[in-house]
């Protein structure tokens, strides 16, 4: 599965925009949170590893 290591200043919205250009940012934030239960979006830690969805895991979608 795809992963993202949190860097200083990262937010879920920034990660979603950077990793999924052309996709709806809010939907991708939802998908990232879905794959990372208990994730406190306001308290990401530098070095924290997040699972990121691949196209086949995204609710309602294949690849665009």
PDB file of N, CA and C in Angstrom:
ATOM      1  N   UNK A   1       0.822  -1.209   0.000  1.00  0.00           N
ATOM      2  CA  UNK A   1       0.000   0.000   0.000  1.00  0.00           C
ATOM      3  C   UNK A   1       0.855   1.257   0.000  1.00  0.00           C
ATOM      4  N   UNK A   2       0.306   2.327  -0.520  1.00  0.00           N
ATOM      5  CA  UNK A   2       1.020   3.602  -0.556  1.00  0.00           C
ATOM      6  C   UNK A   2       1.097   4.173   0.857  1.00  0.00           C
ATOM      7  N   UNK A   3       2.204   4.856   1.139  1.00  0.00           N
ATOM      8  CA  UNK A   3       2.387   5.461   2.448  1.00  0.00           C
ATOM      9  C   UNK A   3       2.918   6.872   2.291  1.00  0.00           C
ATOM     10  N   UNK A   4       2.722   7.666   3.331  1.00  0.00           N
ATOM     11  CA  UNK A   4       3.240   9.031   3.372  1.00  0.00           C
ATOM     12  C   UNK A   4       3.860   9.237   4.739  1.00  0.00           C
ATOM     13  N   UNK A   5       5.079   9.735   4.784  1.00  0.00           N
ATOM     14  CA  UNK A   5       5.722  10.081   6.047  1.00  0.00           C
ATOM     15  C   UNK A   5       5.488  11.575   6.271  1.00  0.00           C
ATOM     16  N   UNK A   6       4.849  11.883   7.385  1.00  0.00           N
ATOM     17  CA  UNK A   6       4.481  13.266   7.687  1.00  0.00           C
ATOM     18  C   UNK A   6       5.738  14.114   7.879  1.00  0.00           C
ATOM     19  N   UNK A   7       5.745  15.248   7.200  1.00  0.00           N
ATOM     20  CA  UNK A   7       6.833  16.214   7.312  1.00  0.00           C
ATOM     21  C   UNK A   7       6.319  17.455   8.036  1.00  0.00           C
ATOM     22  N   UNK A   8       7.225  18.252   8.515  1.00  0.00           N
ATOM     23  CA  UNK A   8       6.863  19.471   9.237  1.00  0.00           C
ATOM     24  C   UNK A   8       5.924  20.332   8.388  1.00  0.00           C
ATOM     25  N   UNK A   9       4.827  20.764   8.973  1.00  0.00           N
ATOM     26  CA  UNK A   9       3.873  21.632   8.299  1.00  0.00           C
ATOM     27  C   UNK A   9       2.797  20.909   7.510  1.00  0.00           C
ATOM     28  N   UNK A  10       2.893  19.579   7.384  1.00  0.00           N
ATOM     29  CA  UNK A  10       1.887  18.827   6.627  1.00  0.00           C
ATOM     30  C   UNK A  10       0.522  18.883   7.302  1.00  0.00           C
ATOM     31  N   UNK A  11      -0.514  18.954   6.478  1.00  0.00           N
ATOM     32  CA  UNK A  11      -1.893  18.762   6.928  1.00  0.00           C
ATOM     33  C   UNK A  11      -2.501  17.694   6.025  1.00  0.00           C
ATOM     34  N   UNK A  12      -3.598  17.113   6.452  1.00  0.00           N
ATOM     35  CA  UNK A  12      -4.252  16.119   5.603  1.00  0.00           C
ATOM     36  C   UNK A  12      -4.681  16.738   4.280  1.00  0.00           C
ATOM     37  N   UNK A  13      -5.136  17.990   4.312  1.00  0.00           N
ATOM     38  CA  UNK A  13      -5.567  18.656   3.087  1.00  0.00           C
ATOM     39  C   UNK A  13      -4.394  18.849   2.130  1.00  0.00           C
ATOM     40  N   UNK A  14      -3.235  19.240   2.671  1.00  0.00           N
ATOM     41  CA  UNK A  14      -2.039  19.406   1.825  1.00  0.00           C
ATOM     42  C   UNK A  14      -1.623  18.073   1.207  1.00  0.00           C
ATOM     43  N   UNK A  15      -1.632  17.029   2.017  1.00  0.00           N
ATOM     44  CA  UNK A  15      -1.242  15.699   1.528  1.00  0.00           C
ATOM     45  C   UNK A  15      -2.204  15.244   0.443  1.00  0.00           C
ATOM     46  N   UNK A  16      -3.504  15.423   0.674  1.00  0.00           N
ATOM     47  CA  UNK A  16      -4.510  15.018  -0.316  1.00  0.00           C
ATOM     48  C   UNK A  16      -4.338  15.782  -1.625  1.00  0.00           C
ATOM     49  N   UNK A  17      -4.105  17.087  -1.535  1.00  0.00           N
ATOM     50  CA  UNK A  17      -3.907  17.896  -2.756  1.00  0.00           C
ATOM     51  C   UNK A  17      -2.660  17.464  -3.508  1.00  0.00           C
ATOM     52  N   UNK A  18      -1.585  17.219  -2.785  1.00  0.00           N
ATOM     53  CA  UNK A  18      -0.304  16.868  -3.400  1.00  0.00           C
ATOM     54  C   UNK A  18      -0.323  15.477  -4.022  1.00  0.00           C
ATOM     55  N   UNK A  19      -0.940  14.528  -3.336  1.00  0.00           N
ATOM     56  CA  UNK A  19      -0.913  13.137  -3.790  1.00  0.00           C
ATOM     57  C   UNK A  19      -2.014  12.792  -4.791  1.00  0.00           C
ATOM     58  N   UNK A  20      -3.083  13.571  -4.813  1.00  0.00           N
ATOM     59  CA  UNK A  20      -4.226  13.258  -5.671  1.00  0.00           C
ATOM     60  C   UNK A  20      -4.696  14.480  -6.449  1.00  0.00           C
ATOM     61  N   UNK A  21      -3.823  15.059  -7.274  1.00  0.00           N
ATOM     62  CA  UNK A  21      -4.254  16.215  -8.066  1.00  0.00           C
ATOM     63  C   UNK A  21      -5.396  15.811  -8.994  1.00  0.00           C
ATOM     64  N   UNK A  22      -6.367  16.661  -9.122  1.00  0.00           N
ATOM     65  CA  UNK A  22      -7.499  16.356  -9.986  1.00  0.00           C
ATOM     66  C   UNK A  22      -8.628  15.624  -9.283  1.00  0.00           C
ATOM     67  N   UNK A  23      -8.387  15.149  -8.088  1.00  0.00           N
ATOM     68  CA  UNK A  23      -9.437  14.501  -7.302  1.00  0.00           C
ATOM     69  C   UNK A  23     -10.031  15.519  -6.336  1.00  0.00           C
ATOM     70  N   UNK A  24     -11.218  15.247  -5.859  1.00  0.00           N
ATOM     71  CA  UNK A  24     -11.857  16.108  -4.870  1.00  0.00           C
ATOM     72  C   UNK A  24     -11.083  15.985  -3.555  1.00  0.00           C
ATOM     73  N   UNK A  25     -10.523  17.095  -3.084  1.00  0.00           N
ATOM     74  CA  UNK A  25      -9.652  17.071  -1.909  1.00  0.00           C
ATOM     75  C   UNK A  25     -10.375  16.553  -0.673  1.00  0.00           C
ATOM     76  N   UNK A  26     -11.607  16.995  -0.458  1.00  0.00           N
ATOM     77  CA  UNK A  26     -12.367  16.538   0.703  1.00  0.00           C
ATOM     78  C   UNK A  26     -12.586  15.038   0.698  1.00  0.00           C
ATOM     79  N   UNK A  27     -12.865  14.482  -0.476  1.00  0.00           N
ATOM     80  CA  UNK A  27     -13.054  13.024  -0.572  1.00  0.00           C
ATOM     81  C   UNK A  27     -11.760  12.298  -0.238  1.00  0.00           C
ATOM     82  N   UNK A  28     -10.633  12.836  -0.690  1.00  0.00           N
ATOM     83  CA  UNK A  28      -9.364  12.170  -0.435  1.00  0.00           C
ATOM     84  C   UNK A  28      -8.964  12.273   1.035  1.00  0.00           C
ATOM     85  N   UNK A  29      -9.284  13.389   1.683  1.00  0.00           N
ATOM     86  CA  UNK A  29      -9.043  13.500   3.130  1.00  0.00           C
ATOM     87  C   UNK A  29      -9.871  12.431   3.842  1.00  0.00           C
ATOM     88  N   UNK A  30     -11.119  12.275   3.441  1.00  0.00           N
ATOM     89  CA  UNK A  30     -11.984  11.234   4.014  1.00  0.00           C
ATOM     90  C   UNK A  30     -11.351   9.854   3.843  1.00  0.00           C
ATOM     91  N   UNK A  31     -10.856   9.568   2.644  1.00  0.00           N
ATOM     92  CA  UNK A  31     -10.258   8.257   2.360  1.00  0.00           C
ATOM     93  C   UNK A  31      -8.998   8.022   3.192  1.00  0.00           C
ATOM     94  N   UNK A  32      -8.174   9.052   3.353  1.00  0.00           N
ATOM     95  CA  UNK A  32      -6.961   8.911   4.169  1.00  0.00           C
ATOM     96  C   UNK A  32      -7.352   8.621   5.618  1.00  0.00           C
ATOM     97  N   UNK A  33      -8.336   9.342   6.120  1.00  0.00           N
ATOM     98  CA  UNK A  33      -8.799   9.106   7.501  1.00  0.00           C
ATOM     99  C   UNK A  33      -9.396   7.708   7.649  1.00  0.00           C
ATOM    100  N   UNK A  34     -10.111   7.246   6.628  1.00  0.00           N
ATOM    101  CA  UNK A  34     -10.722   5.909   6.664  1.00  0.00           C
ATOM    102  C   UNK A  34      -9.647   4.825   6.792  1.00  0.00           C
ATOM    103  N   UNK A  35      -8.523   5.013   6.141  1.00  0.00           N
ATOM    104  CA  UNK A  35      -7.445   4.023   6.174  1.00  0.00           C
ATOM    105  C   UNK A  35      -6.556   4.136   7.408  1.00  0.00           C
ATOM    106  N   UNK A  36      -6.732   5.191   8.176  1.00  0.00           N
ATOM    107  CA  UNK A  36      -5.910   5.430   9.361  1.00  0.00           C
ATOM    108  C   UNK A  36      -6.812   5.686  10.561  1.00  0.00           C
ATOM    109  N   UNK A  37      -7.479   4.637  11.065  1.00  0.00           N
ATOM    110  CA  UNK A  37      -8.418   4.811  12.177  1.00  0.00           C
ATOM    111  C   UNK A  37      -7.755   5.501  13.372  1.00  0.00           C
ATOM    112  N   UNK A  38      -8.485   6.406  13.979  1.00  0.00           N
ATOM    113  CA  UNK A  38      -7.986   7.101  15.153  1.00  0.00           C
ATOM    114  C   UNK A  38      -7.049   8.258  14.833  1.00  0.00           C
ATOM    115  N   UNK A  39      -6.895   8.551  13.553  1.00  0.00           N
ATOM    116  CA  UNK A  39      -6.008   9.630  13.143  1.00  0.00           C
ATOM    117  C   UNK A  39      -6.569  10.970  13.603  1.00  0.00           C
ATOM    118  N   UNK A  40      -5.756  11.712  14.331  1.00  0.00           N
ATOM    119  CA  UNK A  40      -6.147  13.055  14.774  1.00  0.00           C
ATOM    120  C   UNK A  40      -5.609  14.037  13.744  1.00  0.00           C
ATOM    121  N   UNK A  41      -6.462  14.468  12.835  1.00  0.00           N
ATOM    122  CA  UNK A  41      -6.010  15.284  11.713  1.00  0.00           C
ATOM    123  C   UNK A  41      -5.369  16.593  12.132  1.00  0.00           C
ATOM    124  N   UNK A  42      -5.740  17.120  13.278  1.00  0.00           N
ATOM    125  CA  UNK A  42      -5.147  18.361  13.747  1.00  0.00           C
ATOM    126  C   UNK A  42      -3.837  18.152  14.486  1.00  0.00           C
ATOM    127  N   UNK A  43      -3.462  16.886  14.674  1.00  0.00           N
ATOM    128  CA  UNK A  43      -2.252  16.600  15.446  1.00  0.00           C
ATOM    129  C   UNK A  43      -1.351  15.596  14.745  1.00  0.00           C
ATOM    130  N   UNK A  44      -1.052  15.843  13.487  1.00  0.00           N
ATOM    131  CA  UNK A  44      -0.114  14.973  12.784  1.00  0.00           C
ATOM    132  C   UNK A  44       1.273  15.186  13.385  1.00  0.00           C
ATOM    133  N   UNK A  45       2.030  14.102  13.495  1.00  0.00           N
ATOM    134  CA  UNK A  45       3.368  14.188  14.060  1.00  0.00           C
ATOM    135  C   UNK A  45       4.412  13.974  12.973  1.00  0.00           C
ATOM    136  N   UNK A  46       5.471  14.751  12.993  1.00  0.00           N
ATOM    137  CA  UNK A  46       6.570  14.569  12.049  1.00  0.00           C
ATOM    138  C   UNK A  46       7.086  13.142  12.199  1.00  0.00           C
ATOM    139  N   UNK A  47       7.230  12.459  11.071  1.00  0.00           N
ATOM    140  CA  UNK A  47       7.697  11.076  11.071  1.00  0.00           C
ATOM    141  C   UNK A  47       6.580  10.046  11.124  1.00  0.00           C
ATOM    142  N   UNK A  48       5.364  10.487  11.415  1.00  0.00           N
ATOM    143  CA  UNK A  48       4.219   9.587  11.448  1.00  0.00           C
ATOM    144  C   UNK A  48       3.989   9.038  10.045  1.00  0.00           C
ATOM    145  N   UNK A  49       3.702   7.737   9.944  1.00  0.00           N
ATOM    146  CA  UNK A  49       3.469   7.110   8.647  1.00  0.00           C
ATOM    147  C   UNK A  49       1.970   6.915   8.451  1.00  0.00           C
ATOM    148  N   UNK A  50       1.455   7.462   7.348  1.00  0.00           N
ATOM    149  CA  UNK A  50       0.039   7.333   7.016  1.00  0.00           C
ATOM    150  C   UNK A  50      -0.124   6.392   5.839  1.00  0.00           C
ATOM    151  N   UNK A  51      -1.126   5.551   5.894  1.00  0.00           N
ATOM    152  CA  UNK A  51      -1.494   4.752   4.728  1.00  0.00           C
ATOM    153  C   UNK A  51      -2.280   5.647   3.796  1.00  0.00           C
ATOM    154  N   UNK A  52      -1.996   5.549   2.518  1.00  0.00           N
ATOM    155  CA  UNK A  52      -2.721   6.325   1.515  1.00  0.00           C
ATOM    156  C   UNK A  52      -3.481   5.380   0.604  1.00  0.00           C
ATOM    157  N   UNK A  53      -4.687   5.783   0.192  1.00  0.00           N
ATOM    158  CA  UNK A  53      -5.470   4.925  -0.688  1.00  0.00           C
ATOM    159  C   UNK A  53      -4.881   4.874  -2.095  1.00  0.00           C
ATOM    160  N   UNK A  54      -4.997   3.690  -2.689  1.00  0.00           N
ATOM    161  CA  UNK A  54      -4.696   3.553  -4.114  1.00  0.00           C
ATOM    162  C   UNK A  54      -6.030   3.603  -4.832  1.00  0.00           C
ATOM    163  N   UNK A  55      -6.040   3.796  -6.122  1.00  0.00           N
ATOM    164  CA  UNK A  55      -7.278   4.004  -6.889  1.00  0.00           C
ATOM    165  C   UNK A  55      -8.329   2.940  -6.609  1.00  0.00           C
ATOM    166  N   UNK A  56      -7.939   1.678  -6.439  1.00  0.00           N
ATOM    167  CA  UNK A  56      -8.914   0.609  -6.240  1.00  0.00           C
ATOM    168  C   UNK A  56      -9.537   0.631  -4.857  1.00  0.00           C
ATOM    169  N   UNK A  57      -8.931   1.366  -3.899  1.00  0.00           N
ATOM    170  CA  UNK A  57      -9.488   1.441  -2.550  1.00  0.00           C
ATOM    171  C   UNK A  57     -10.441   2.617  -2.366  1.00  0.00           C
ATOM    172  N   UNK A  58     -10.491   3.517  -3.325  1.00  0.00           N
ATOM    173  CA  UNK A  58     -11.278   4.735  -3.172  1.00  0.00           C
ATOM    174  C   UNK A  58     -12.756   4.421  -3.363  1.00  0.00           C
ATOM    175  N   UNK A  59     -13.545   4.807  -2.383  1.00  0.00           N
ATOM    176  CA  UNK A  59     -14.983   4.543  -2.414  1.00  0.00           C
ATOM    177  C   UNK A  59     -15.590   5.174  -3.661  1.00  0.00           C
ATOM    178  N   UNK A  60     -16.296   4.363  -4.426  1.00  0.00           N
ATOM    179  CA  UNK A  60     -16.985   4.874  -5.596  1.00  0.00           C
ATOM    180  C   UNK A  60     -16.089   5.127  -6.798  1.00  0.00           C
ATOM    181  N   UNK A  61     -14.865   4.597  -6.767  1.00  0.00           N
ATOM    182  CA  UNK A  61     -14.115   4.982  -7.947  1.00  0.00           C
ATOM    183  C   UNK A  61     -13.036   4.052  -8.407  1.00  0.00           C
ATOM    184  N   UNK A  62     -12.853   3.969  -9.649  1.00  0.00           N
ATOM    185  CA  UNK A  62     -11.668   3.380 -10.234  1.00  0.00           C
ATOM    186  C   UNK A  62     -10.739   4.524 -10.511  1.00  0.00           C
ATOM    187  N   UNK A  63      -9.828   4.326 -11.414  1.00  0.00           N
ATOM    188  CA  UNK A  63      -8.907   5.410 -11.730  1.00  0.00           C
ATOM    189  C   UNK A  63      -9.531   6.367 -12.730  1.00  0.00           C
ATOM    190  N   UNK A  64      -9.055   7.620 -12.713  1.00  0.00           N
ATOM    191  CA  UNK A  64      -9.576   8.626 -13.649  1.00  0.00           C
ATOM    192  C   UNK A  64      -8.646   8.742 -14.816  1.00  0.00           C
TER     193      UNK A  64
END
